[in-house]
Amino acid sequence: MALGLAELTLLVIVGTLAAIVYSLRILVLLERRIAGMEMNIQLVTKKILKEELKIEQKVTRTTKKAKKKR
């Protein structure tokens, strides 16, 4: 059973298309994973910002009290 040139070319094209589809699938999965990581980073950043604001408020309060005592 010998394949002709047309059948061989068709098989190569179909194989290439299958590889492209598989690659796109992998890229979509990676993009979703990265998007999840970005969301987690944003949440952590918001929490850190809140804590920094709390610390800053406490520091400004204590410096104001120290200035009043002088």
PDB file of N, CA and C in Angstrom:
ATOM      1  N   MET A   1       0.847  -1.171   0.000  1.00  0.00           N
ATOM      2  CA  MET A   1       0.000   0.000   0.000  1.00  0.00           C
ATOM      3  C   MET A   1       0.894   1.235   0.000  1.00  0.00           C
ATOM      4  N   ALA A   2       1.174   1.741  -1.123  1.00  0.00           N
ATOM      5  CA  ALA A   2       2.027   2.909  -1.269  1.00  0.00           C
ATOM      6  C   ALA A   2       1.158   4.149  -1.320  1.00  0.00           C
ATOM      7  N   LEU A   3       1.621   5.177  -0.625  1.00  0.00           N
ATOM      8  CA  LEU A   3       0.894   6.441  -0.638  1.00  0.00           C
ATOM      9  C   LEU A   3       1.390   7.295  -1.788  1.00  0.00           C
ATOM     10  N   GLY A   4       0.472   7.955  -2.404  1.00  0.00           N
ATOM     11  CA  GLY A   4       0.851   8.858  -3.482  1.00  0.00           C
ATOM     12  C   GLY A   4       1.314  10.191  -2.904  1.00  0.00           C
ATOM     13  N   LEU A   5       1.831  11.016  -3.748  1.00  0.00           N
ATOM     14  CA  LEU A   5       2.337  12.316  -3.321  1.00  0.00           C
ATOM     15  C   LEU A   5       1.224  13.181  -2.731  1.00  0.00           C
ATOM     16  N   ALA A   6       0.034  13.130  -3.280  1.00  0.00           N
ATOM     17  CA  ALA A   6      -1.094  13.926  -2.789  1.00  0.00           C
ATOM     18  C   ALA A   6      -1.508  13.480  -1.385  1.00  0.00           C
ATOM     19  N   GLU A   7      -1.567  12.138  -1.179  1.00  0.00           N
ATOM     20  CA  GLU A   7      -1.948  11.631   0.146  1.00  0.00           C
ATOM     21  C   GLU A   7      -0.899  11.974   1.190  1.00  0.00           C
ATOM     22  N   LEU A   8       0.372  11.872   0.822  1.00  0.00           N
ATOM     23  CA  LEU A   8       1.457  12.190   1.740  1.00  0.00           C
ATOM     24  C   LEU A   8       1.422  13.675   2.115  1.00  0.00           C
ATOM     25  N   THR A   9       1.191  14.516   1.149  1.00  0.00           N
ATOM     26  CA  THR A   9       1.092  15.955   1.413  1.00  0.00           C
ATOM     27  C   THR A   9      -0.082  16.254   2.330  1.00  0.00           C
ATOM     28  N   LEU A  10      -1.204  15.601   2.072  1.00  0.00           N
ATOM     29  CA  LEU A  10      -2.389  15.787   2.911  1.00  0.00           C
ATOM     30  C   LEU A  10      -2.118  15.345   4.339  1.00  0.00           C
ATOM     31  N   LEU A  11      -1.436  14.224   4.520  1.00  0.00           N
ATOM     32  CA  LEU A  11      -1.097  13.747   5.869  1.00  0.00           C
ATOM     33  C   LEU A  11      -0.178  14.739   6.590  1.00  0.00           C
ATOM     34  N   VAL A  12       0.760  15.306   5.880  1.00  0.00           N
ATOM     35  CA  VAL A  12       1.660  16.290   6.494  1.00  0.00           C
ATOM     36  C   VAL A  12       0.876  17.522   6.931  1.00  0.00           C
ATOM     37  N   ILE A  13      -0.028  17.980   6.083  1.00  0.00           N
ATOM     38  CA  ILE A  13      -0.834  19.153   6.411  1.00  0.00           C
ATOM     39  C   ILE A  13      -1.723  18.878   7.619  1.00  0.00           C
ATOM     40  N   VAL A  14      -2.365  17.730   7.651  1.00  0.00           N
ATOM     41  CA  VAL A  14      -3.240  17.375   8.776  1.00  0.00           C
ATOM     42  C   VAL A  14      -2.426  17.247  10.058  1.00  0.00           C
ATOM     43  N   GLY A  15      -1.261  16.651   9.984  1.00  0.00           N
ATOM     44  CA  GLY A  15      -0.399  16.536  11.162  1.00  0.00           C
ATOM     45  C   GLY A  15       0.044  17.894  11.679  1.00  0.00           C
ATOM     46  N   THR A  16       0.372  18.782  10.753  1.00  0.00           N
ATOM     47  CA  THR A  16       0.778  20.131  11.144  1.00  0.00           C
ATOM     48  C   THR A  16      -0.371  20.877  11.819  1.00  0.00           C
ATOM     49  N   LEU A  17      -1.556  20.747  11.268  1.00  0.00           N
ATOM     50  CA  LEU A  17      -2.725  21.389  11.874  1.00  0.00           C
ATOM     51  C   LEU A  17      -3.002  20.822  13.264  1.00  0.00           C
ATOM     52  N   ALA A  18      -2.860  19.517  13.417  1.00  0.00           N
ATOM     53  CA  ALA A  18      -3.063  18.899  14.733  1.00  0.00           C
ATOM     54  C   ALA A  18      -2.038  19.431  15.739  1.00  0.00           C
ATOM     55  N   ALA A  19      -0.803  19.604  15.307  1.00  0.00           N
ATOM     56  CA  ALA A  19       0.233  20.144  16.196  1.00  0.00           C
ATOM     57  C   ALA A  19      -0.077  21.587  16.585  1.00  0.00           C
ATOM     58  N   ILE A  20      -0.580  22.366  15.650  1.00  0.00           N
ATOM     59  CA  ILE A  20      -0.937  23.757  15.945  1.00  0.00           C
ATOM     60  C   ILE A  20      -2.076  23.811  16.953  1.00  0.00           C
ATOM     61  N   VAL A  21      -3.088  22.985  16.760  1.00  0.00           N
ATOM     62  CA  VAL A  21      -4.222  22.964  17.689  1.00  0.00           C
ATOM     63  C   VAL A  21      -3.760  22.553  19.083  1.00  0.00           C
ATOM     64  N   TYR A  22      -2.898  21.548  19.172  1.00  0.00           N
ATOM     65  CA  TYR A  22      -2.385  21.112  20.472  1.00  0.00           C
ATOM     66  C   TYR A  22      -1.585  22.232  21.132  1.00  0.00           C
ATOM     67  N   SER A  23      -0.764  22.938  20.359  1.00  0.00           N
ATOM     68  CA  SER A  23       0.031  24.037  20.901  1.00  0.00           C
ATOM     69  C   SER A  23      -0.865  25.153  21.425  1.00  0.00           C
ATOM     70  N   LEU A  24      -1.921  25.465  20.689  1.00  0.00           N
ATOM     71  CA  LEU A  24      -2.855  26.492  21.145  1.00  0.00           C
ATOM     72  C   LEU A  24      -3.549  26.074  22.436  1.00  0.00           C
ATOM     73  N   ARG A  25      -3.864  24.813  22.543  1.00  0.00           N
ATOM     74  CA  ARG A  25      -4.484  24.294  23.767  1.00  0.00           C
ATOM     75  C   ARG A  25      -3.553  24.496  24.952  1.00  0.00           C
ATOM     76  N   ILE A  26      -2.284  24.163  24.772  1.00  0.00           N
ATOM     77  CA  ILE A  26      -1.304  24.338  25.835  1.00  0.00           C
ATOM     78  C   ILE A  26      -1.154  25.820  26.183  1.00  0.00           C
ATOM     79  N   LEU A  27      -1.124  26.683  25.173  1.00  0.00           N
ATOM     80  CA  LEU A  27      -1.007  28.120  25.425  1.00  0.00           C
ATOM     81  C   LEU A  27      -2.197  28.663  26.216  1.00  0.00           C
ATOM     82  N   VAL A  28      -3.394  28.187  25.898  1.00  0.00           N
ATOM     83  CA  VAL A  28      -4.581  28.634  26.623  1.00  0.00           C
ATOM     84  C   VAL A  28      -4.508  28.190  28.075  1.00  0.00           C
ATOM     85  N   LEU A  29      -4.080  26.962  28.309  1.00  0.00           N
ATOM     86  CA  LEU A  29      -3.958  26.476  29.685  1.00  0.00           C
ATOM     87  C   LEU A  29      -2.925  27.285  30.463  1.00  0.00           C
ATOM     88  N   LEU A  30      -1.804  27.594  29.832  1.00  0.00           N
ATOM     89  CA  LEU A  30      -0.777  28.400  30.494  1.00  0.00           C
ATOM     90  C   LEU A  30      -1.279  29.812  30.774  1.00  0.00           C
ATOM     91  N   GLU A  31      -2.017  30.382  29.831  1.00  0.00           N
ATOM     92  CA  GLU A  31      -2.548  31.731  30.028  1.00  0.00           C
ATOM     93  C   GLU A  31      -3.507  31.761  31.209  1.00  0.00           C
ATOM     94  N   ARG A  32      -4.338  30.743  31.333  1.00  0.00           N
ATOM     95  CA  ARG A  32      -5.264  30.677  32.468  1.00  0.00           C
ATOM     96  C   ARG A  32      -4.502  30.566  33.777  1.00  0.00           C
ATOM     97  N   ARG A  33      -3.466  29.761  33.774  1.00  0.00           N
ATOM     98  CA  ARG A  33      -2.662  29.581  34.985  1.00  0.00           C
ATOM     99  C   ARG A  33      -1.981  30.896  35.376  1.00  0.00           C
ATOM    100  N   ILE A  34      -1.441  31.609  34.394  1.00  0.00           N
ATOM    101  CA  ILE A  34      -0.778  32.881  34.658  1.00  0.00           C
ATOM    102  C   ILE A  34      -1.791  33.920  35.145  1.00  0.00           C
ATOM    103  N   ALA A  35      -2.990  33.921  34.568  1.00  0.00           N
ATOM    104  CA  ALA A  35      -4.031  34.853  35.008  1.00  0.00           C
ATOM    105  C   ALA A  35      -4.389  34.601  36.469  1.00  0.00           C
ATOM    106  N   GLY A  36      -4.443  33.337  36.858  1.00  0.00           N
ATOM    107  CA  GLY A  36      -4.709  33.005  38.264  1.00  0.00           C
ATOM    108  C   GLY A  36      -3.608  33.522  39.171  1.00  0.00           C
ATOM    109  N   MET A  37      -2.362  33.382  38.731  1.00  0.00           N
ATOM    110  CA  MET A  37      -1.237  33.889  39.526  1.00  0.00           C
ATOM    111  C   MET A  37      -1.313  35.403  39.661  1.00  0.00           C
ATOM    112  N   GLU A  38      -1.676  36.084  38.580  1.00  0.00           N
ATOM    113  CA  GLU A  38      -1.792  37.543  38.621  1.00  0.00           C
ATOM    114  C   GLU A  38      -2.868  37.976  39.610  1.00  0.00           C
ATOM    115  N   MET A  39      -3.974  37.253  39.642  1.00  0.00           N
ATOM    116  CA  MET A  39      -5.031  37.587  40.591  1.00  0.00           C
ATOM    117  C   MET A  39      -4.532  37.432  42.025  1.00  0.00           C
ATOM    118  N   ASN A  40      -3.798  36.350  42.289  1.00  0.00           N
ATOM    119  CA  ASN A  40      -3.265  36.145  43.629  1.00  0.00           C
ATOM    120  C   ASN A  40      -2.273  37.237  43.998  1.00  0.00           C
ATOM    121  N   ILE A  41      -1.453  37.652  43.057  1.00  0.00           N
ATOM    122  CA  ILE A  41      -0.487  38.726  43.320  1.00  0.00           C
ATOM    123  C   ILE A  41      -1.220  40.023  43.627  1.00  0.00           C
ATOM    124  N   GLN A  42      -2.291  40.303  42.901  1.00  0.00           N
ATOM    125  CA  GLN A  42      -3.064  41.514  43.168  1.00  0.00           C
ATOM    126  C   GLN A  42      -3.678  41.482  44.562  1.00  0.00           C
ATOM    127  N   LEU A  43      -4.202  40.326  44.965  1.00  0.00           N
ATOM    128  CA  LEU A  43      -4.789  40.221  46.300  1.00  0.00           C
ATOM    129  C   LEU A  43      -3.739  40.451  47.378  1.00  0.00           C
ATOM    130  N   VAL A  44      -2.576  39.845  47.207  1.00  0.00           N
ATOM    131  CA  VAL A  44      -1.499  40.018  48.187  1.00  0.00           C
ATOM    132  C   VAL A  44      -1.053  41.474  48.232  1.00  0.00           C
ATOM    133  N   THR A  45      -0.967  42.107  47.076  1.00  0.00           N
ATOM    134  CA  THR A  45      -0.564  43.509  47.012  1.00  0.00           C
ATOM    135  C   THR A  45      -1.565  44.397  47.741  1.00  0.00           C
ATOM    136  N   LYS A  46      -2.844  44.130  47.567  1.00  0.00           N
ATOM    137  CA  LYS A  46      -3.863  44.918  48.268  1.00  0.00           C
ATOM    138  C   LYS A  46      -3.742  44.749  49.774  1.00  0.00           C
ATOM    139  N   LYS A  47      -3.511  43.529  50.228  1.00  0.00           N
ATOM    140  CA  LYS A  47      -3.358  43.284  51.660  1.00  0.00           C
ATOM    141  C   LYS A  47      -2.135  44.006  52.214  1.00  0.00           C
ATOM    142  N   ILE A  48      -1.041  43.976  51.476  1.00  0.00           N
ATOM    143  CA  ILE A  48       0.176  44.658  51.918  1.00  0.00           C
ATOM    144  C   ILE A  48      -0.060  46.164  51.971  1.00  0.00           C
ATOM    145  N   LEU A  49      -0.747  46.700  50.983  1.00  0.00           N
ATOM    146  CA  LEU A  49      -1.035  48.137  50.970  1.00  0.00           C
ATOM    147  C   LEU A  49      -1.865  48.538  52.181  1.00  0.00           C
ATOM    148  N   LYS A  50      -2.870  47.740  52.525  1.00  0.00           N
ATOM    149  CA  LYS A  50      -3.694  48.036  53.702  1.00  0.00           C
ATOM    150  C   LYS A  50      -2.841  48.047  54.962  1.00  0.00           C
ATOM    151  N   GLU A  51      -1.962  47.055  55.093  1.00  0.00           N
ATOM    152  CA  GLU A  51      -1.104  46.990  56.270  1.00  0.00           C
ATOM    153  C   GLU A  51      -0.145  48.184  56.319  1.00  0.00           C
ATOM    154  N   GLU A  52       0.385  48.573  55.185  1.00  0.00           N
ATOM    155  CA  GLU A  52       1.289  49.726  55.141  1.00  0.00           C
ATOM    156  C   GLU A  52       0.558  51.004  55.540  1.00  0.00           C
ATOM    157  N   LEU A  53      -0.681  51.148  55.095  1.00  0.00           N
ATOM    158  CA  LEU A  53      -1.451  52.327  55.481  1.00  0.00           C
ATOM    159  C   LEU A  53      -1.711  52.348  56.984  1.00  0.00           C
ATOM    160  N   LYS A  54      -2.011  51.191  57.566  1.00  0.00           N
ATOM    161  CA  LYS A  54      -2.209  51.110  59.016  1.00  0.00           C
ATOM    162  C   LYS A  54      -0.943  51.523  59.747  1.00  0.00           C
ATOM    163  N   ILE A  55       0.188  51.000  59.297  1.00  0.00           N
ATOM    164  CA  ILE A  55       1.468  51.328  59.938  1.00  0.00           C
ATOM    165  C   ILE A  55       1.765  52.813  59.801  1.00  0.00           C
ATOM    166  N   GLU A  56       1.524  53.354  58.624  1.00  0.00           N
ATOM    167  CA  GLU A  56       1.783  54.774  58.394  1.00  0.00           C
ATOM    168  C   GLU A  56       0.925  55.644  59.295  1.00  0.00           C
ATOM    169  N   GLN A  57      -0.337  55.277  59.473  1.00  0.00           N
ATOM    170  CA  GLN A  57      -1.221  56.038  60.351  1.00  0.00           C
ATOM    171  C   GLN A  57      -0.738  55.984  61.793  1.00  0.00           C
ATOM    172  N   LYS A  58      -0.282  54.825  62.239  1.00  0.00           N
ATOM    173  CA  LYS A  58       0.218  54.701  63.605  1.00  0.00           C
ATOM    174  C   LYS A  58       1.480  55.519  63.799  1.00  0.00           C
ATOM    175  N   VAL A  59       2.348  55.508  62.797  1.00  0.00           N
ATOM    176  CA  VAL A  59       3.586  56.267  62.906  1.00  0.00           C
ATOM    177  C   VAL A  59       3.296  57.760  62.949  1.00  0.00           C
ATOM    178  N   THR A  60       2.381  58.229  62.116  1.00  0.00           N
ATOM    179  CA  THR A  60       2.065  59.660  62.121  1.00  0.00           C
ATOM    180  C   THR A  60       1.396  60.069  63.427  1.00  0.00           C
ATOM    181  N   ARG A  61       0.596  59.198  63.997  1.00  0.00           N
ATOM    182  CA  ARG A  61      -0.038  59.497  65.283  1.00  0.00           C
ATOM    183  C   ARG A  61       1.009  59.640  66.378  1.00  0.00           C
ATOM    184  N   THR A  62       1.958  58.716  66.408  1.00  0.00           N
ATOM    185  CA  THR A  62       2.975  58.753  67.464  1.00  0.00           C
ATOM    186  C   THR A  62       3.903  59.946  67.296  1.00  0.00           C
ATOM    187  N   THR A  63       4.199  60.336  66.065  1.00  0.00           N
ATOM    188  CA  THR A  63       5.065  61.512  65.864  1.00  0.00           C
ATOM    189  C   THR A  63       4.318  62.792  66.239  1.00  0.00           C
ATOM    190  N   LYS A  64       3.015  62.850  65.991  1.00  0.00           N
ATOM    191  CA  LYS A  64       2.231  64.023  66.389  1.00  0.00           C
ATOM    192  C   LYS A  64       2.178  64.131  67.900  1.00  0.00           C
ATOM    193  N   LYS A  65       2.004  62.992  68.594  1.00  0.00           N
ATOM    194  CA  LYS A  65       1.972  63.003  70.052  1.00  0.00           C
ATOM    195  C   LYS A  65       3.313  63.435  70.621  1.00  0.00           C
ATOM    196  N   ALA A  66       4.395  62.973  69.997  1.00  0.00           N
ATOM    197  CA  ALA A  66       5.735  63.335  70.482  1.00  0.00           C
ATOM    198  C   ALA A  66       5.982  64.826  70.298  1.00  0.00           C
ATOM    199  N   LYS A  67       5.502  65.404  69.214  1.00  0.00           N
ATOM    200  CA  LYS A  67       5.682  66.834  68.976  1.00  0.00           C
ATOM    201  C   LYS A  67       4.879  67.666  69.973  1.00  0.00           C
ATOM    202  N   LYS A  68       3.694  67.202  70.348  1.00  0.00           N
ATOM    203  CA  LYS A  68       2.860  67.922  71.291  1.00  0.00           C
ATOM    204  C   LYS A  68       3.501  67.954  72.682  1.00  0.00           C
ATOM    205  N   LYS A  69       4.180  66.882  73.055  1.00  0.00           N
ATOM    206  CA  LYS A  69       4.812  66.803  74.362  1.00  0.00           C
ATOM    207  C   LYS A  69       5.971  67.780  74.466  1.00  0.00           C
ATOM    208  N   ARG A  70       6.608  68.105  73.394  1.00  0.00           N
ATOM    209  CA  ARG A  70       7.768  69.010  73.400  1.00  0.00           C
ATOM    210  C   ARG A  70       7.288  70.383  73.625  1.00  0.00           C
TER     211      ARG A  70
END
